[in-house]
Amino acid sequence: MVYSILDAESKTLLTDKFASISPPAWSEDGKQIAFVGLRENESTYRLFVVDTEGDNKLTEKLKNDVSYSPPCWAPCEKILLFTSGASGNLLRRFDPAKSDALTPLPFSAVNVAEPAWSPDGKQIVFRCDR
């Protein structure tokens, strides 16, 4: 659900049924929301992007190796960060407009979760085990 503070109106974005959804993340331009979700009667988490304008098209971006952790958009870019990996979550970079390819970020940490970009897009903070 999205609520407009200016118009005092709310609208439903998702009509699909989900058993679980991560906290959503807005794209910088406000036109898309990304989340990790588990559809009802399925056992695999997937990365989804939903358009916030028009018909609210829901697109499944990744269906393999996705962990339940909220994604985050990079400032000034259409790049998502999220965690993936069957064991010891890894931080991955993903461009939803270009491909289904994941790019791991090169650092040594395990069980990475909840990444967030700095406002200038030059640093990333996350929770992890060392």
N, C-alpha and C. Protein backbone atom coordinates (compact mmCIF):
# COMPACT_ATOMS: atom_id res chain seq x y z
N MET A 1 0.85 -1.17 0.00
CA MET A 1 0.00 0.00 0.00
C MET A 1 0.90 1.24 0.00
N VAL A 2 0.53 2.22 -0.78
CA VAL A 2 1.23 3.50 -0.80
C VAL A 2 0.24 4.56 -0.37
N TYR A 3 0.69 5.46 0.52
CA TYR A 3 -0.17 6.54 1.01
C TYR A 3 0.44 7.87 0.58
N SER A 4 -0.38 8.70 -0.05
CA SER A 4 0.06 10.03 -0.47
C SER A 4 -0.29 11.02 0.64
N ILE A 5 0.73 11.61 1.23
CA ILE A 5 0.51 12.57 2.30
C ILE A 5 -0.17 13.82 1.75
N LEU A 6 0.19 14.26 0.54
CA LEU A 6 -0.39 15.46 -0.04
C LEU A 6 -1.86 15.29 -0.40
N ASP A 7 -2.22 14.12 -0.96
CA ASP A 7 -3.59 13.88 -1.40
C ASP A 7 -4.44 13.17 -0.35
N ALA A 8 -3.83 12.71 0.73
CA ALA A 8 -4.52 11.94 1.77
C ALA A 8 -5.25 10.74 1.17
N GLU A 9 -4.58 10.08 0.23
CA GLU A 9 -5.16 8.91 -0.43
C GLU A 9 -4.17 7.76 -0.38
N SER A 10 -4.70 6.56 -0.40
CA SER A 10 -3.85 5.38 -0.46
C SER A 10 -4.23 4.54 -1.66
N LYS A 11 -3.25 3.77 -2.17
CA LYS A 11 -3.54 2.87 -3.28
C LYS A 11 -2.78 1.57 -3.09
N THR A 12 -3.38 0.50 -3.53
CA THR A 12 -2.78 -0.81 -3.43
C THR A 12 -1.84 -1.04 -4.60
N LEU A 13 -0.61 -1.47 -4.31
CA LEU A 13 0.35 -1.74 -5.37
C LEU A 13 0.37 -3.21 -5.78
N LEU A 14 0.17 -4.10 -4.82
CA LEU A 14 0.27 -5.53 -5.10
C LEU A 14 -1.08 -6.21 -4.99
N THR A 15 -1.42 -6.99 -6.00
CA THR A 15 -2.61 -7.82 -5.91
C THR A 15 -2.22 -9.29 -5.75
N ASP A 16 -0.96 -9.63 -6.03
CA ASP A 16 -0.45 -10.99 -5.84
C ASP A 16 -0.41 -11.30 -4.35
N LYS A 17 -0.51 -12.56 -4.00
CA LYS A 17 -0.46 -13.00 -2.61
C LYS A 17 0.97 -13.40 -2.24
N PHE A 18 1.45 -12.85 -1.13
CA PHE A 18 2.78 -13.15 -0.63
C PHE A 18 2.69 -13.65 0.80
N ALA A 19 3.48 -14.67 1.12
CA ALA A 19 3.57 -15.17 2.49
C ALA A 19 4.48 -14.27 3.31
N SER A 20 5.46 -13.65 2.64
CA SER A 20 6.43 -12.81 3.33
C SER A 20 7.01 -11.79 2.34
N ILE A 21 7.21 -10.56 2.83
CA ILE A 21 7.81 -9.50 2.02
C ILE A 21 8.79 -8.74 2.90
N SER A 22 9.98 -8.47 2.35
CA SER A 22 10.97 -7.66 3.06
C SER A 22 10.49 -6.21 3.11
N PRO A 23 11.11 -5.40 3.96
CA PRO A 23 10.82 -3.97 3.88
C PRO A 23 11.10 -3.47 2.45
N PRO A 24 10.22 -2.66 1.90
CA PRO A 24 10.41 -2.18 0.53
C PRO A 24 11.45 -1.08 0.44
N ALA A 25 11.97 -0.87 -0.79
CA ALA A 25 12.97 0.17 -1.04
C ALA A 25 12.54 0.97 -2.26
N TRP A 26 12.46 2.29 -2.13
CA TRP A 26 12.10 3.18 -3.23
C TRP A 26 13.30 3.42 -4.14
N SER A 27 13.06 3.47 -5.45
CA SER A 27 14.08 3.96 -6.37
C SER A 27 14.19 5.46 -6.17
N GLU A 28 15.33 6.03 -6.52
CA GLU A 28 15.54 7.46 -6.27
C GLU A 28 14.52 8.34 -7.00
N ASP A 29 14.08 7.91 -8.20
CA ASP A 29 13.11 8.70 -8.94
C ASP A 29 11.67 8.45 -8.48
N GLY A 30 11.47 7.53 -7.55
CA GLY A 30 10.15 7.27 -7.00
C GLY A 30 9.23 6.47 -7.91
N LYS A 31 9.75 5.95 -9.02
CA LYS A 31 8.91 5.26 -9.98
C LYS A 31 8.84 3.75 -9.76
N GLN A 32 9.70 3.22 -8.89
CA GLN A 32 9.71 1.78 -8.64
C GLN A 32 9.98 1.51 -7.16
N ILE A 33 9.51 0.35 -6.72
CA ILE A 33 9.79 -0.14 -5.38
C ILE A 33 10.32 -1.56 -5.54
N ALA A 34 11.41 -1.86 -4.85
CA ALA A 34 11.98 -3.21 -4.88
C ALA A 34 11.75 -3.87 -3.53
N PHE A 35 11.59 -5.19 -3.54
CA PHE A 35 11.47 -5.96 -2.31
C PHE A 35 11.83 -7.41 -2.58
N VAL A 36 12.16 -8.12 -1.54
CA VAL A 36 12.36 -9.56 -1.60
C VAL A 36 11.10 -10.19 -1.05
N GLY A 37 10.53 -11.11 -1.81
CA GLY A 37 9.27 -11.70 -1.39
C GLY A 37 9.21 -13.20 -1.56
N LEU A 38 8.34 -13.80 -0.78
CA LEU A 38 8.05 -15.22 -0.86
C LEU A 38 6.57 -15.35 -1.19
N ARG A 39 6.26 -15.80 -2.41
CA ARG A 39 4.87 -15.97 -2.81
C ARG A 39 4.23 -17.09 -1.99
N GLU A 40 2.91 -16.97 -1.80
CA GLU A 40 2.20 -18.03 -1.10
C GLU A 40 2.40 -19.35 -1.82
N ASN A 41 2.54 -20.42 -1.07
CA ASN A 41 2.70 -21.78 -1.59
C ASN A 41 4.00 -21.99 -2.36
N GLU A 42 5.00 -21.14 -2.13
CA GLU A 42 6.33 -21.34 -2.73
C GLU A 42 7.37 -21.39 -1.62
N SER A 43 8.55 -21.86 -1.94
CA SER A 43 9.59 -21.98 -0.92
C SER A 43 10.85 -21.19 -1.24
N THR A 44 10.83 -20.40 -2.30
CA THR A 44 12.00 -19.65 -2.74
C THR A 44 11.73 -18.14 -2.69
N TYR A 45 12.62 -17.42 -2.01
CA TYR A 45 12.53 -15.95 -2.03
C TYR A 45 13.02 -15.45 -3.38
N ARG A 46 12.40 -14.36 -3.84
CA ARG A 46 12.75 -13.77 -5.13
C ARG A 46 12.82 -12.25 -4.99
N LEU A 47 13.58 -11.62 -5.88
CA LEU A 47 13.67 -10.18 -5.91
C LEU A 47 12.62 -9.65 -6.89
N PHE A 48 11.79 -8.71 -6.44
CA PHE A 48 10.73 -8.14 -7.26
C PHE A 48 10.88 -6.63 -7.35
N VAL A 49 10.40 -6.07 -8.46
CA VAL A 49 10.29 -4.63 -8.63
C VAL A 49 8.87 -4.34 -9.11
N VAL A 50 8.23 -3.36 -8.47
CA VAL A 50 6.88 -2.97 -8.87
C VAL A 50 6.89 -1.49 -9.25
N ASP A 51 6.23 -1.17 -10.37
CA ASP A 51 6.10 0.22 -10.80
C ASP A 51 5.09 0.92 -9.91
N THR A 52 5.38 2.14 -9.51
CA THR A 52 4.48 2.88 -8.64
C THR A 52 3.49 3.74 -9.41
N GLU A 53 3.68 3.82 -10.72
CA GLU A 53 2.78 4.61 -11.56
C GLU A 53 2.11 3.69 -12.57
N GLY A 54 1.02 4.15 -13.13
CA GLY A 54 0.33 3.36 -14.17
C GLY A 54 -0.34 2.14 -13.60
N ASP A 55 -0.10 0.99 -14.25
CA ASP A 55 -0.79 -0.24 -13.86
C ASP A 55 -0.09 -1.02 -12.76
N ASN A 56 0.93 -0.44 -12.14
CA ASN A 56 1.66 -1.08 -11.04
C ASN A 56 2.19 -2.45 -11.41
N LYS A 57 2.82 -2.52 -12.58
CA LYS A 57 3.38 -3.78 -13.07
C LYS A 57 4.39 -4.36 -12.08
N LEU A 58 4.21 -5.63 -11.74
CA LEU A 58 5.12 -6.35 -10.87
C LEU A 58 6.03 -7.22 -11.73
N THR A 59 7.35 -7.08 -11.55
CA THR A 59 8.31 -7.85 -12.32
C THR A 59 9.20 -8.64 -11.38
N GLU A 60 9.31 -9.93 -11.65
CA GLU A 60 10.23 -10.78 -10.91
C GLU A 60 11.60 -10.61 -11.55
N LYS A 61 12.56 -10.13 -10.79
CA LYS A 61 13.88 -9.85 -11.35
C LYS A 61 14.86 -11.00 -11.15
N LEU A 62 14.85 -11.61 -9.99
CA LEU A 62 15.74 -12.73 -9.70
C LEU A 62 14.97 -13.79 -8.94
N LYS A 63 15.21 -15.04 -9.31
CA LYS A 63 14.51 -16.10 -8.59
C LYS A 63 15.45 -17.13 -7.99
N ASN A 64 16.73 -16.94 -8.14
CA ASN A 64 17.68 -17.89 -7.56
C ASN A 64 18.62 -17.19 -6.60
N ASP A 65 18.96 -17.88 -5.53
CA ASP A 65 20.01 -17.42 -4.61
C ASP A 65 19.70 -16.09 -3.95
N VAL A 66 18.44 -15.83 -3.63
CA VAL A 66 18.04 -14.58 -3.00
C VAL A 66 17.72 -14.86 -1.53
N SER A 67 18.28 -14.06 -0.63
CA SER A 67 18.03 -14.20 0.80
C SER A 67 17.00 -13.16 1.24
N TYR A 68 16.35 -13.46 2.36
CA TYR A 68 15.38 -12.51 2.88
C TYR A 68 16.12 -11.38 3.58
N SER A 69 16.32 -10.32 2.89
CA SER A 69 16.94 -9.11 3.42
C SER A 69 16.49 -7.99 2.51
N PRO A 70 16.14 -6.85 3.07
CA PRO A 70 15.65 -5.78 2.20
C PRO A 70 16.70 -5.29 1.22
N PRO A 71 16.30 -5.06 -0.03
CA PRO A 71 17.22 -4.47 -1.00
C PRO A 71 17.31 -2.96 -0.78
N CYS A 72 18.28 -2.33 -1.40
CA CYS A 72 18.35 -0.88 -1.36
C CYS A 72 18.86 -0.36 -2.70
N TRP A 73 18.30 0.77 -3.13
CA TRP A 73 18.68 1.39 -4.40
C TRP A 73 19.87 2.31 -4.17
N ALA A 74 20.75 2.36 -5.14
CA ALA A 74 21.87 3.30 -5.09
C ALA A 74 21.38 4.70 -5.43
N PRO A 75 21.91 5.71 -4.75
CA PRO A 75 21.56 7.08 -5.13
C PRO A 75 22.08 7.38 -6.53
N CYS A 76 21.30 8.06 -7.31
CA CYS A 76 21.68 8.51 -8.66
C CYS A 76 21.90 7.37 -9.65
N GLU A 77 21.58 6.14 -9.31
CA GLU A 77 21.73 5.02 -10.24
C GLU A 77 20.55 4.08 -10.06
N LYS A 78 20.34 3.25 -11.05
CA LYS A 78 19.31 2.22 -10.97
C LYS A 78 19.97 0.89 -10.59
N ILE A 79 20.74 0.91 -9.52
CA ILE A 79 21.45 -0.28 -9.05
C ILE A 79 20.87 -0.68 -7.70
N LEU A 80 20.63 -1.96 -7.54
CA LEU A 80 20.15 -2.49 -6.27
C LEU A 80 21.25 -3.26 -5.57
N LEU A 81 21.26 -3.17 -4.25
CA LEU A 81 22.11 -4.02 -3.43
C LEU A 81 21.19 -4.92 -2.62
N PHE A 82 21.57 -6.17 -2.47
CA PHE A 82 20.83 -7.06 -1.60
C PHE A 82 21.72 -8.25 -1.28
N THR A 83 21.28 -9.06 -0.35
CA THR A 83 22.08 -10.21 0.03
C THR A 83 21.59 -11.46 -0.67
N SER A 84 22.51 -12.35 -0.94
CA SER A 84 22.17 -13.63 -1.56
C SER A 84 23.18 -14.67 -1.13
N GLY A 85 22.82 -15.90 -1.32
CA GLY A 85 23.74 -16.99 -1.00
C GLY A 85 23.09 -18.00 -0.08
N ALA A 86 23.22 -19.25 -0.44
CA ALA A 86 22.61 -20.31 0.35
C ALA A 86 23.21 -20.39 1.74
N SER A 87 24.50 -20.10 1.86
CA SER A 87 25.12 -20.09 3.19
C SER A 87 26.00 -18.86 3.29
N GLY A 88 25.96 -18.19 4.42
CA GLY A 88 26.77 -16.99 4.62
C GLY A 88 26.43 -15.92 3.62
N ASN A 89 25.33 -15.25 3.84
CA ASN A 89 24.85 -14.24 2.89
C ASN A 89 25.98 -13.35 2.38
N LEU A 90 25.95 -13.08 1.09
CA LEU A 90 26.93 -12.21 0.45
C LEU A 90 26.22 -10.99 -0.11
N LEU A 91 26.90 -9.88 -0.12
CA LEU A 91 26.33 -8.66 -0.68
C LEU A 91 26.52 -8.68 -2.18
N ARG A 92 25.43 -8.46 -2.91
CA ARG A 92 25.47 -8.50 -4.38
C ARG A 92 24.96 -7.19 -4.94
N ARG A 93 25.48 -6.84 -6.09
CA ARG A 93 25.04 -5.65 -6.84
C ARG A 93 24.26 -6.15 -8.05
N PHE A 94 23.17 -5.45 -8.38
CA PHE A 94 22.29 -5.90 -9.45
C PHE A 94 21.70 -4.69 -10.17
N ASP A 95 21.77 -4.70 -11.49
CA ASP A 95 21.14 -3.65 -12.31
C ASP A 95 19.90 -4.26 -12.93
N PRO A 96 18.70 -3.96 -12.41
CA PRO A 96 17.48 -4.61 -12.91
C PRO A 96 17.14 -4.25 -14.35
N ALA A 97 17.69 -3.18 -14.88
CA ALA A 97 17.38 -2.79 -16.25
C ALA A 97 18.24 -3.52 -17.28
N LYS A 98 19.38 -4.06 -16.87
CA LYS A 98 20.32 -4.62 -17.83
C LYS A 98 20.30 -6.13 -17.95
N SER A 99 20.31 -6.86 -16.85
CA SER A 99 20.44 -8.32 -16.96
C SER A 99 20.02 -9.00 -15.67
N ASP A 100 20.19 -10.31 -15.69
CA ASP A 100 19.95 -11.10 -14.50
C ASP A 100 21.26 -11.44 -13.81
N ALA A 101 22.35 -10.78 -14.20
CA ALA A 101 23.65 -11.09 -13.64
C ALA A 101 23.86 -10.38 -12.30
N LEU A 102 24.38 -11.13 -11.34
CA LEU A 102 24.71 -10.58 -10.03
C LEU A 102 26.21 -10.32 -9.97
N THR A 103 26.58 -9.22 -9.35
CA THR A 103 27.99 -8.91 -9.17
C THR A 103 28.28 -8.90 -7.67
N PRO A 104 29.09 -9.87 -7.19
CA PRO A 104 29.44 -9.84 -5.77
C PRO A 104 30.38 -8.68 -5.48
N LEU A 105 30.25 -8.09 -4.31
CA LEU A 105 31.17 -7.03 -3.91
C LEU A 105 32.34 -7.64 -3.16
N PRO A 106 33.56 -7.23 -3.50
CA PRO A 106 34.76 -7.89 -2.96
C PRO A 106 35.16 -7.39 -1.56
N PHE A 107 34.73 -8.09 -0.54
CA PHE A 107 35.17 -7.83 0.82
C PHE A 107 34.96 -9.11 1.62
N SER A 108 35.61 -9.20 2.77
CA SER A 108 35.50 -10.43 3.55
C SER A 108 34.60 -10.22 4.76
N ALA A 109 33.39 -10.65 4.63
CA ALA A 109 32.42 -10.64 5.72
C ALA A 109 31.38 -11.70 5.40
N VAL A 110 30.78 -12.26 6.43
CA VAL A 110 29.74 -13.27 6.22
C VAL A 110 28.47 -12.84 6.91
N ASN A 111 27.39 -13.47 6.52
CA ASN A 111 26.05 -13.15 7.05
C ASN A 111 25.75 -11.66 6.94
N VAL A 112 25.99 -11.14 5.77
CA VAL A 112 25.73 -9.73 5.48
C VAL A 112 24.22 -9.52 5.37
N ALA A 113 23.74 -8.40 5.91
CA ALA A 113 22.31 -8.09 5.84
C ALA A 113 22.10 -6.59 5.90
N GLU A 114 20.97 -6.18 5.39
CA GLU A 114 20.47 -4.81 5.50
C GLU A 114 21.45 -3.74 5.01
N PRO A 115 21.87 -3.84 3.74
CA PRO A 115 22.77 -2.82 3.21
C PRO A 115 22.06 -1.48 3.02
N ALA A 116 22.82 -0.40 3.11
CA ALA A 116 22.30 0.94 2.85
C ALA A 116 23.41 1.80 2.27
N TRP A 117 23.08 2.59 1.25
CA TRP A 117 24.04 3.48 0.61
C TRP A 117 24.18 4.77 1.40
N SER A 118 25.35 5.37 1.32
CA SER A 118 25.51 6.74 1.82
C SER A 118 24.81 7.66 0.82
N PRO A 119 24.40 8.85 1.24
CA PRO A 119 23.68 9.75 0.32
C PRO A 119 24.45 10.09 -0.95
N ASP A 120 25.78 10.12 -0.89
CA ASP A 120 26.57 10.44 -2.08
C ASP A 120 26.86 9.21 -2.95
N GLY A 121 26.46 8.02 -2.50
CA GLY A 121 26.66 6.79 -3.27
C GLY A 121 28.08 6.26 -3.27
N LYS A 122 28.94 6.76 -2.39
CA LYS A 122 30.34 6.35 -2.38
C LYS A 122 30.65 5.28 -1.34
N GLN A 123 29.73 5.04 -0.41
CA GLN A 123 29.97 4.06 0.64
C GLN A 123 28.70 3.24 0.89
N ILE A 124 28.91 2.06 1.47
CA ILE A 124 27.80 1.18 1.82
C ILE A 124 27.99 0.76 3.27
N VAL A 125 26.92 0.78 4.02
CA VAL A 125 26.95 0.27 5.39
C VAL A 125 26.07 -0.98 5.41
N PHE A 126 26.43 -1.96 6.24
CA PHE A 126 25.65 -3.18 6.36
C PHE A 126 25.95 -3.86 7.68
N ARG A 127 25.08 -4.76 8.06
CA ARG A 127 25.26 -5.57 9.25
C ARG A 127 25.92 -6.88 8.82
N CYS A 128 26.90 -7.39 9.61
CA CYS A 128 27.58 -8.63 9.22
C CYS A 128 28.26 -9.28 10.41
N ASP A 129 28.76 -10.50 10.17
CA ASP A 129 29.66 -11.20 11.09
C ASP A 129 31.04 -11.12 10.48
N ARG A 130 32.05 -10.99 11.30
CA ARG A 130 33.44 -10.94 10.82
C ARG A 130 34.15 -12.22 11.13
